[in-house]
Amino acid sequence: MLHNPFALIAMLAYFAACMCLVMYRKNGARHRHDVSWLAWLLLVVLGGSAIELTMNPRAAGLFDAGRAVLLALFIFGVRGNVARLLWSK
């Protein structure tokens, strides 16, 4: 169990961002191989960070939690579409 509230916030944000990426549906969008690899890599890194915070409780601070929450907000803002996250219109 995580006793550090910042580590708990970061872990929940990473997990929520992972779920948003996993639940993404393209709905007519083009499939780009390079973006799909980046999305997979982002999913691996976010999931690994969540697992690391769960299995190895460390001193996660305010800035770690803030970074995780901002990244999750960005991913939720584009509804899991990594191409829109990378390139703006």
PDB file of N, CA and C in Angstrom:
ATOM      1  N   MET A   1       0.846  -1.188   0.000  1.00  0.00           N
ATOM      2  CA  MET A   1       0.000   0.000   0.000  1.00  0.00           C
ATOM      3  C   MET A   1       0.879   1.234   0.000  1.00  0.00           C
ATOM      4  N   LEU A   2       0.466   2.216  -0.751  1.00  0.00           N
ATOM      5  CA  LEU A   2       1.236   3.442  -0.839  1.00  0.00           C
ATOM      6  C   LEU A   2       0.870   4.369   0.315  1.00  0.00           C
ATOM      7  N   HIS A   3       1.887   4.793   1.065  1.00  0.00           N
ATOM      8  CA  HIS A   3       1.657   5.683   2.191  1.00  0.00           C
ATOM      9  C   HIS A   3       1.935   7.132   1.823  1.00  0.00           C
ATOM     10  N   ASN A   4       2.536   7.350   0.699  1.00  0.00           N
ATOM     11  CA  ASN A   4       2.844   8.689   0.226  1.00  0.00           C
ATOM     12  C   ASN A   4       1.694   9.169  -0.663  1.00  0.00           C
ATOM     13  N   PRO A   5       1.007  10.254  -0.285  1.00  0.00           N
ATOM     14  CA  PRO A   5      -0.139  10.692  -1.100  1.00  0.00           C
ATOM     15  C   PRO A   5       0.267  11.132  -2.505  1.00  0.00           C
ATOM     16  N   PHE A   6       1.459  11.693  -2.669  1.00  0.00           N
ATOM     17  CA  PHE A   6       1.905  12.102  -4.001  1.00  0.00           C
ATOM     18  C   PHE A   6       2.157  10.884  -4.885  1.00  0.00           C
ATOM     19  N   ALA A   7       2.696   9.820  -4.309  1.00  0.00           N
ATOM     20  CA  ALA A   7       2.911   8.592  -5.074  1.00  0.00           C
ATOM     21  C   ALA A   7       1.580   7.973  -5.482  1.00  0.00           C
ATOM     22  N   LEU A   8       0.595   8.034  -4.620  1.00  0.00           N
ATOM     23  CA  LEU A   8      -0.728   7.505  -4.936  1.00  0.00           C
ATOM     24  C   LEU A   8      -1.385   8.312  -6.061  1.00  0.00           C
ATOM     25  N   ILE A   9      -1.286   9.626  -5.994  1.00  0.00           N
ATOM     26  CA  ILE A   9      -1.854  10.479  -7.047  1.00  0.00           C
ATOM     27  C   ILE A   9      -1.174  10.189  -8.379  1.00  0.00           C
ATOM     28  N   ALA A  10       0.151  10.088  -8.368  1.00  0.00           N
ATOM     29  CA  ALA A  10       0.893   9.816  -9.604  1.00  0.00           C
ATOM     30  C   ALA A  10       0.528   8.448 -10.165  1.00  0.00           C
ATOM     31  N   MET A  11       0.439   7.448  -9.302  1.00  0.00           N
ATOM     32  CA  MET A  11       0.109   6.102  -9.759  1.00  0.00           C
ATOM     33  C   MET A  11      -1.286   6.056 -10.372  1.00  0.00           C
ATOM     34  N   LEU A  12      -2.256   6.725  -9.768  1.00  0.00           N
ATOM     35  CA  LEU A  12      -3.614   6.761 -10.311  1.00  0.00           C
ATOM     36  C   LEU A  12      -3.670   7.520 -11.636  1.00  0.00           C
ATOM     37  N   ALA A  13      -2.899   8.594 -11.752  1.00  0.00           N
ATOM     38  CA  ALA A  13      -2.865   9.355 -13.002  1.00  0.00           C
ATOM     39  C   ALA A  13      -2.246   8.520 -14.117  1.00  0.00           C
ATOM     40  N   TYR A  14      -1.157   7.812 -13.831  1.00  0.00           N
ATOM     41  CA  TYR A  14      -0.536   6.948 -14.836  1.00  0.00           C
ATOM     42  C   TYR A  14      -1.504   5.850 -15.270  1.00  0.00           C
ATOM     43  N   PHE A  15      -2.180   5.256 -14.314  1.00  0.00           N
ATOM     44  CA  PHE A  15      -3.126   4.179 -14.622  1.00  0.00           C
ATOM     45  C   PHE A  15      -4.288   4.704 -15.473  1.00  0.00           C
ATOM     46  N   ALA A  16      -4.816   5.879 -15.130  1.00  0.00           N
ATOM     47  CA  ALA A  16      -5.917   6.459 -15.901  1.00  0.00           C
ATOM     48  C   ALA A  16      -5.476   6.788 -17.323  1.00  0.00           C
ATOM     49  N   ALA A  17      -4.260   7.308 -17.486  1.00  0.00           N
ATOM     50  CA  ALA A  17      -3.754   7.618 -18.825  1.00  0.00           C
ATOM     51  C   ALA A  17      -3.581   6.340 -19.636  1.00  0.00           C
ATOM     52  N   CYS A  18      -3.114   5.282 -18.996  1.00  0.00           N
ATOM     53  CA  CYS A  18      -2.974   3.991 -19.688  1.00  0.00           C
ATOM     54  C   CYS A  18      -4.332   3.485 -20.162  1.00  0.00           C
ATOM     55  N   MET A  19      -5.335   3.594 -19.320  1.00  0.00           N
ATOM     56  CA  MET A  19      -6.667   3.134 -19.696  1.00  0.00           C
ATOM     57  C   MET A  19      -7.228   3.969 -20.850  1.00  0.00           C
ATOM     58  N   CYS A  20      -6.944   5.254 -20.862  1.00  0.00           N
ATOM     59  CA  CYS A  20      -7.409   6.102 -21.962  1.00  0.00           C
ATOM     60  C   CYS A  20      -6.735   5.699 -23.265  1.00  0.00           C
ATOM     61  N   LEU A  21      -5.448   5.379 -23.226  1.00  0.00           N
ATOM     62  CA  LEU A  21      -4.749   4.931 -24.430  1.00  0.00           C
ATOM     63  C   LEU A  21      -5.251   3.573 -24.904  1.00  0.00           C
ATOM     64  N   VAL A  22      -5.522   2.687 -23.980  1.00  0.00           N
ATOM     65  CA  VAL A  22      -5.985   1.347 -24.341  1.00  0.00           C
ATOM     66  C   VAL A  22      -7.395   1.395 -24.932  1.00  0.00           C
ATOM     67  N   MET A  23      -8.234   2.291 -24.440  1.00  0.00           N
ATOM     68  CA  MET A  23      -9.620   2.371 -24.880  1.00  0.00           C
ATOM     69  C   MET A  23      -9.813   3.236 -26.129  1.00  0.00           C
ATOM     70  N   TYR A  24      -8.748   3.743 -26.724  1.00  0.00           N
ATOM     71  CA  TYR A  24      -8.854   4.616 -27.895  1.00  0.00           C
ATOM     72  C   TYR A  24      -9.448   3.860 -29.079  1.00  0.00           C
ATOM     73  N   ARG A  25     -10.409   4.496 -29.738  1.00  0.00           N
ATOM     74  CA  ARG A  25     -10.998   3.968 -30.972  1.00  0.00           C
ATOM     75  C   ARG A  25     -10.770   5.000 -32.051  1.00  0.00           C
ATOM     76  N   LYS A  26     -10.296   4.568 -33.207  1.00  0.00           N
ATOM     77  CA  LYS A  26      -9.874   5.528 -34.225  1.00  0.00           C
ATOM     78  C   LYS A  26     -11.029   6.197 -34.959  1.00  0.00           C
ATOM     79  N   ASN A  27     -12.184   5.588 -35.072  1.00  0.00           N
ATOM     80  CA  ASN A  27     -13.374   6.197 -35.684  1.00  0.00           C
ATOM     81  C   ASN A  27     -13.069   6.915 -37.001  1.00  0.00           C
ATOM     82  N   GLY A  28     -12.492   6.200 -37.935  1.00  0.00           N
ATOM     83  CA  GLY A  28     -12.235   6.749 -39.251  1.00  0.00           C
ATOM     84  C   GLY A  28     -10.886   7.425 -39.424  1.00  0.00           C
ATOM     85  N   ALA A  29     -10.110   7.546 -38.364  1.00  0.00           N
ATOM     86  CA  ALA A  29      -8.795   8.174 -38.480  1.00  0.00           C
ATOM     87  C   ALA A  29      -7.836   7.239 -39.217  1.00  0.00           C
ATOM     88  N   ARG A  30      -6.838   7.838 -39.859  1.00  0.00           N
ATOM     89  CA  ARG A  30      -5.836   7.032 -40.561  1.00  0.00           C
ATOM     90  C   ARG A  30      -4.984   6.266 -39.558  1.00  0.00           C
ATOM     91  N   HIS A  31      -4.500   5.112 -39.992  1.00  0.00           N
ATOM     92  CA  HIS A  31      -3.565   4.345 -39.178  1.00  0.00           C
ATOM     93  C   HIS A  31      -2.147   4.703 -39.611  1.00  0.00           C
ATOM     94  N   ARG A  32      -1.392   5.211 -38.675  1.00  0.00           N
ATOM     95  CA  ARG A  32       0.002   5.563 -38.939  1.00  0.00           C
ATOM     96  C   ARG A  32       0.873   4.650 -38.091  1.00  0.00           C
ATOM     97  N   HIS A  33       1.760   3.920 -38.761  1.00  0.00           N
ATOM     98  CA  HIS A  33       2.587   2.948 -38.049  1.00  0.00           C
ATOM     99  C   HIS A  33       3.522   3.614 -37.049  1.00  0.00           C
ATOM    100  N   ASP A  34       4.122   4.744 -37.420  1.00  0.00           N
ATOM    101  CA  ASP A  34       5.045   5.401 -36.510  1.00  0.00           C
ATOM    102  C   ASP A  34       4.333   5.933 -35.267  1.00  0.00           C
ATOM    103  N   VAL A  35       3.130   6.457 -35.437  1.00  0.00           N
ATOM    104  CA  VAL A  35       2.374   6.955 -34.294  1.00  0.00           C
ATOM    105  C   VAL A  35       1.890   5.801 -33.424  1.00  0.00           C
ATOM    106  N   SER A  36       1.537   4.678 -34.039  1.00  0.00           N
ATOM    107  CA  SER A  36       1.096   3.535 -33.241  1.00  0.00           C
ATOM    108  C   SER A  36       2.247   2.985 -32.392  1.00  0.00           C
ATOM    109  N   TRP A  37       3.467   3.009 -32.930  1.00  0.00           N
ATOM    110  CA  TRP A  37       4.621   2.592 -32.133  1.00  0.00           C
ATOM    111  C   TRP A  37       4.882   3.568 -30.984  1.00  0.00           C
ATOM    112  N   LEU A  38       4.720   4.856 -31.250  1.00  0.00           N
ATOM    113  CA  LEU A  38       4.881   5.844 -30.175  1.00  0.00           C
ATOM    114  C   LEU A  38       3.805   5.689 -29.112  1.00  0.00           C
ATOM    115  N   ALA A  39       2.584   5.382 -29.526  1.00  0.00           N
ATOM    116  CA  ALA A  39       1.505   5.151 -28.569  1.00  0.00           C
ATOM    117  C   ALA A  39       1.800   3.913 -27.719  1.00  0.00           C
ATOM    118  N   TRP A  40       2.315   2.877 -28.362  1.00  0.00           N
ATOM    119  CA  TRP A  40       2.670   1.671 -27.618  1.00  0.00           C
ATOM    120  C   TRP A  40       3.787   1.963 -26.623  1.00  0.00           C
ATOM    121  N   LEU A  41       4.788   2.714 -27.053  1.00  0.00           N
ATOM    122  CA  LEU A  41       5.893   3.071 -26.170  1.00  0.00           C
ATOM    123  C   LEU A  41       5.413   3.935 -25.010  1.00  0.00           C
ATOM    124  N   LEU A  42       4.521   4.874 -25.282  1.00  0.00           N
ATOM    125  CA  LEU A  42       3.953   5.703 -24.219  1.00  0.00           C
ATOM    126  C   LEU A  42       3.173   4.846 -23.230  1.00  0.00           C
ATOM    127  N   LEU A  43       2.426   3.887 -23.734  1.00  0.00           N
ATOM    128  CA  LEU A  43       1.677   2.979 -22.867  1.00  0.00           C
ATOM    129  C   LEU A  43       2.609   2.151 -21.988  1.00  0.00           C
ATOM    130  N   VAL A  44       3.695   1.659 -22.563  1.00  0.00           N
ATOM    131  CA  VAL A  44       4.658   0.859 -21.795  1.00  0.00           C
ATOM    132  C   VAL A  44       5.311   1.697 -20.698  1.00  0.00           C
ATOM    133  N   VAL A  45       5.700   2.924 -21.038  1.00  0.00           N
ATOM    134  CA  VAL A  45       6.366   3.784 -20.057  1.00  0.00           C
ATOM    135  C   VAL A  45       5.404   4.187 -18.942  1.00  0.00           C
ATOM    136  N   LEU A  46       4.179   4.564 -19.302  1.00  0.00           N
ATOM    137  CA  LEU A  46       3.199   4.942 -18.281  1.00  0.00           C
ATOM    138  C   LEU A  46       2.818   3.756 -17.401  1.00  0.00           C
ATOM    139  N   GLY A  47       2.617   2.609 -18.023  1.00  0.00           N
ATOM    140  CA  GLY A  47       2.294   1.410 -17.239  1.00  0.00           C
ATOM    141  C   GLY A  47       3.440   0.989 -16.351  1.00  0.00           C
ATOM    142  N   GLY A  48       4.660   1.063 -16.877  1.00  0.00           N
ATOM    143  CA  GLY A  48       5.828   0.734 -16.057  1.00  0.00           C
ATOM    144  C   GLY A  48       5.998   1.690 -14.892  1.00  0.00           C
ATOM    145  N   SER A  49       5.693   2.957 -15.111  1.00  0.00           N
ATOM    146  CA  SER A  49       5.781   3.933 -14.017  1.00  0.00           C
ATOM    147  C   SER A  49       4.742   3.642 -12.944  1.00  0.00           C
ATOM    148  N   ALA A  50       3.525   3.273 -13.359  1.00  0.00           N
ATOM    149  CA  ALA A  50       2.483   2.933 -12.389  1.00  0.00           C
ATOM    150  C   ALA A  50       2.858   1.681 -11.605  1.00  0.00           C
ATOM    151  N   ILE A  51       3.393   0.689 -12.291  1.00  0.00           N
ATOM    152  CA  ILE A  51       3.804  -0.542 -11.605  1.00  0.00           C
ATOM    153  C   ILE A  51       4.969  -0.268 -10.662  1.00  0.00           C
ATOM    154  N   GLU A  52       5.904   0.547 -11.101  1.00  0.00           N
ATOM    155  CA  GLU A  52       7.048   0.885 -10.245  1.00  0.00           C
ATOM    156  C   GLU A  52       6.599   1.595  -8.974  1.00  0.00           C
ATOM    157  N   LEU A  53       5.651   2.516  -9.099  1.00  0.00           N
ATOM    158  CA  LEU A  53       5.155   3.210  -7.911  1.00  0.00           C
ATOM    159  C   LEU A  53       4.370   2.273  -6.999  1.00  0.00           C
ATOM    160  N   THR A  54       3.726   1.262  -7.575  1.00  0.00           N
ATOM    161  CA  THR A  54       2.979   0.307  -6.765  1.00  0.00           C
ATOM    162  C   THR A  54       3.897  -0.674  -6.054  1.00  0.00           C
ATOM    163  N   MET A  55       4.882  -1.208  -6.780  1.00  0.00           N
ATOM    164  CA  MET A  55       5.744  -2.256  -6.230  1.00  0.00           C
ATOM    165  C   MET A  55       6.908  -1.710  -5.411  1.00  0.00           C
ATOM    166  N   ASN A  56       7.378  -0.529  -5.759  1.00  0.00           N
ATOM    167  CA  ASN A  56       8.537   0.026  -5.088  1.00  0.00           C
ATOM    168  C   ASN A  56       8.207   1.436  -4.620  1.00  0.00           C
ATOM    169  N   PRO A  57       7.522   1.540  -3.477  1.00  0.00           N
ATOM    170  CA  PRO A  57       7.158   2.875  -3.018  1.00  0.00           C
ATOM    171  C   PRO A  57       8.417   3.708  -2.756  1.00  0.00           C
ATOM    172  N   ARG A  58       8.501   4.820  -3.414  1.00  0.00           N
ATOM    173  CA  ARG A  58       9.648   5.686  -3.241  1.00  0.00           C
ATOM    174  C   ARG A  58       9.144   7.066  -2.848  1.00  0.00           C
ATOM    175  N   ALA A  59      10.040   7.950  -2.641  1.00  0.00           N
ATOM    176  CA  ALA A  59       9.663   9.299  -2.238  1.00  0.00           C
ATOM    177  C   ALA A  59       9.269  10.111  -3.468  1.00  0.00           C
ATOM    178  N   ALA A  60       8.033   9.964  -3.896  1.00  0.00           N
ATOM    179  CA  ALA A  60       7.516  10.762  -5.007  1.00  0.00           C
ATOM    180  C   ALA A  60       7.065  12.098  -4.442  1.00  0.00           C
ATOM    181  N   GLY A  61       7.467  13.149  -5.088  1.00  0.00           N
ATOM    182  CA  GLY A  61       7.156  14.474  -4.583  1.00  0.00           C
ATOM    183  C   GLY A  61       6.025  15.138  -5.341  1.00  0.00           C
ATOM    184  N   LEU A  62       5.841  16.383  -5.028  1.00  0.00           N
ATOM    185  CA  LEU A  62       4.789  17.178  -5.633  1.00  0.00           C
ATOM    186  C   LEU A  62       4.981  17.289  -7.140  1.00  0.00           C
ATOM    187  N   PHE A  63       6.211  17.465  -7.583  1.00  0.00           N
ATOM    188  CA  PHE A  63       6.461  17.636  -9.009  1.00  0.00           C
ATOM    189  C   PHE A  63       6.278  16.328  -9.790  1.00  0.00           C
ATOM    190  N   ASP A  64       6.580  15.197  -9.179  1.00  0.00           N
ATOM    191  CA  ASP A  64       6.314  13.907  -9.824  1.00  0.00           C
ATOM    192  C   ASP A  64       4.817  13.706 -10.024  1.00  0.00           C
ATOM    193  N   ALA A  65       4.046  14.005  -8.995  1.00  0.00           N
ATOM    194  CA  ALA A  65       2.593  13.867  -9.095  1.00  0.00           C
ATOM    195  C   ALA A  65       2.026  14.875 -10.092  1.00  0.00           C
ATOM    196  N   GLY A  66       2.545  16.101 -10.077  1.00  0.00           N
ATOM    197  CA  GLY A  66       2.082  17.112 -11.019  1.00  0.00           C
ATOM    198  C   GLY A  66       2.362  16.743 -12.457  1.00  0.00           C
ATOM    199  N   ARG A  67       3.552  16.190 -12.714  1.00  0.00           N
ATOM    200  CA  ARG A  67       3.901  15.758 -14.067  1.00  0.00           C
ATOM    201  C   ARG A  67       2.970  14.639 -14.526  1.00  0.00           C
ATOM    202  N   ALA A  68       2.686  13.700 -13.658  1.00  0.00           N
ATOM    203  CA  ALA A  68       1.806  12.585 -14.005  1.00  0.00           C
ATOM    204  C   ALA A  68       0.391  13.070 -14.284  1.00  0.00           C
ATOM    205  N   VAL A  69      -0.103  13.980 -13.475  1.00  0.00           N
ATOM    206  CA  VAL A  69      -1.460  14.490 -13.661  1.00  0.00           C
ATOM    207  C   VAL A  69      -1.546  15.311 -14.952  1.00  0.00           C
ATOM    208  N   LEU A  70      -0.552  16.150 -15.228  1.00  0.00           N
ATOM    209  CA  LEU A  70      -0.564  16.931 -16.464  1.00  0.00           C
ATOM    210  C   LEU A  70      -0.510  16.043 -17.697  1.00  0.00           C
ATOM    211  N   LEU A  71       0.324  15.018 -17.659  1.00  0.00           N
ATOM    212  CA  LEU A  71       0.412  14.100 -18.792  1.00  0.00           C
ATOM    213  C   LEU A  71      -0.919  13.371 -18.994  1.00  0.00           C
ATOM    214  N   ALA A  72      -1.547  12.964 -17.901  1.00  0.00           N
ATOM    215  CA  ALA A  72      -2.853  12.310 -18.009  1.00  0.00           C
ATOM    216  C   ALA A  72      -3.899  13.279 -18.557  1.00  0.00           C
ATOM    217  N   LEU A  73      -3.857  14.534 -18.132  1.00  0.00           N
ATOM    218  CA  LEU A  73      -4.802  15.521 -18.657  1.00  0.00           C
ATOM    219  C   LEU A  73      -4.602  15.761 -20.143  1.00  0.00           C
ATOM    220  N   PHE A  74      -3.344  15.801 -20.595  1.00  0.00           N
ATOM    221  CA  PHE A  74      -3.076  15.959 -22.020  1.00  0.00           C
ATOM    222  C   PHE A  74      -3.622  14.775 -22.814  1.00  0.00           C
ATOM    223  N   ILE A  75      -3.430  13.578 -22.299  1.00  0.00           N
ATOM    224  CA  ILE A  75      -3.911  12.378 -22.991  1.00  0.00           C
ATOM    225  C   ILE A  75      -5.435  12.341 -23.002  1.00  0.00           C
ATOM    226  N   PHE A  76      -6.066  12.716 -21.893  1.00  0.00           N
ATOM    227  CA  PHE A  76      -7.520  12.776 -21.870  1.00  0.00           C
ATOM    228  C   PHE A  76      -8.037  13.891 -22.772  1.00  0.00           C
ATOM    229  N   GLY A  77      -7.285  14.980 -22.897  1.00  0.00           N
ATOM    230  CA  GLY A  77      -7.691  16.093 -23.744  1.00  0.00           C
ATOM    231  C   GLY A  77      -7.794  15.723 -25.212  1.00  0.00           C
ATOM    232  N   VAL A  78      -6.937  14.824 -25.660  1.00  0.00           N
ATOM    233  CA  VAL A  78      -6.995  14.368 -27.057  1.00  0.00           C
ATOM    234  C   VAL A  78      -7.720  13.036 -27.176  1.00  0.00           C
ATOM    235  N   ARG A  79      -8.319  12.594 -26.078  1.00  0.00           N
ATOM    236  CA  ARG A  79      -9.092  11.348 -26.011  1.00  0.00           C
ATOM    237  C   ARG A  79      -8.296  10.130 -26.439  1.00  0.00           C
ATOM    238  N   GLY A  80      -7.001  10.112 -26.106  1.00  0.00           N
ATOM    239  CA  GLY A  80      -6.156   8.962 -26.400  1.00  0.00           C
ATOM    240  C   GLY A  80      -5.543   8.965 -27.777  1.00  0.00           C
ATOM    241  N   ASN A  81      -5.805   9.993 -28.583  1.00  0.00           N
ATOM    242  CA  ASN A  81      -5.274  10.069 -29.939  1.00  0.00           C
ATOM    243  C   ASN A  81      -3.856  10.643 -29.879  1.00  0.00           C
ATOM    244  N   VAL A  82      -2.870   9.786 -29.961  1.00  0.00           N
ATOM    245  CA  VAL A  82      -1.479  10.204 -29.826  1.00  0.00           C
ATOM    246  C   VAL A  82      -1.059  11.091 -30.993  1.00  0.00           C
ATOM    247  N   ALA A  83      -1.622  10.886 -32.173  1.00  0.00           N
ATOM    248  CA  ALA A  83      -1.297  11.738 -33.318  1.00  0.00           C
ATOM    249  C   ALA A  83      -1.714  13.178 -33.049  1.00  0.00           C
ATOM    250  N   ARG A  84      -2.871  13.380 -32.450  1.00  0.00           N
ATOM    251  CA  ARG A  84      -3.300  14.736 -32.102  1.00  0.00           C
ATOM    252  C   ARG A  84      -2.468  15.296 -30.971  1.00  0.00           C
ATOM    253  N   LEU A  85      -1.952  14.448 -30.118  1.00  0.00           N
ATOM    254  CA  LEU A  85      -1.078  14.900 -29.041  1.00  0.00           C
ATOM    255  C   LEU A  85       0.247  15.417 -29.596  1.00  0.00           C
ATOM    256  N   LEU A  86       0.723  14.786 -30.668  1.00  0.00           N
ATOM    257  CA  LEU A  86       2.017  15.153 -31.237  1.00  0.00           C
ATOM    258  C   LEU A  86       1.933  16.319 -32.207  1.00  0.00           C
ATOM    259  N   TRP A  87       0.881  16.354 -33.035  1.00  0.00           N
ATOM    260  CA  TRP A  87       0.769  17.371 -34.083  1.00  0.00           C
ATOM    261  C   TRP A  87      -0.518  18.156 -33.896  1.00  0.00           C
ATOM    262  N   SER A  88      -0.393  19.478 -33.881  1.00  0.00           N
ATOM    263  CA  SER A  88      -1.584  20.306 -33.771  1.00  0.00           C
ATOM    264  C   SER A  88      -2.052  20.740 -35.143  1.00  0.00           C
ATOM    265  N   LYS A  89      -3.274  21.184 -35.242  1.00  0.00           N
ATOM    266  CA  LYS A  89      -3.842  21.614 -36.523  1.00  0.00           C
ATOM    267  C   LYS A  89      -3.555  23.078 -36.765  1.00  0.00           C
TER     268      LYS A  89
END
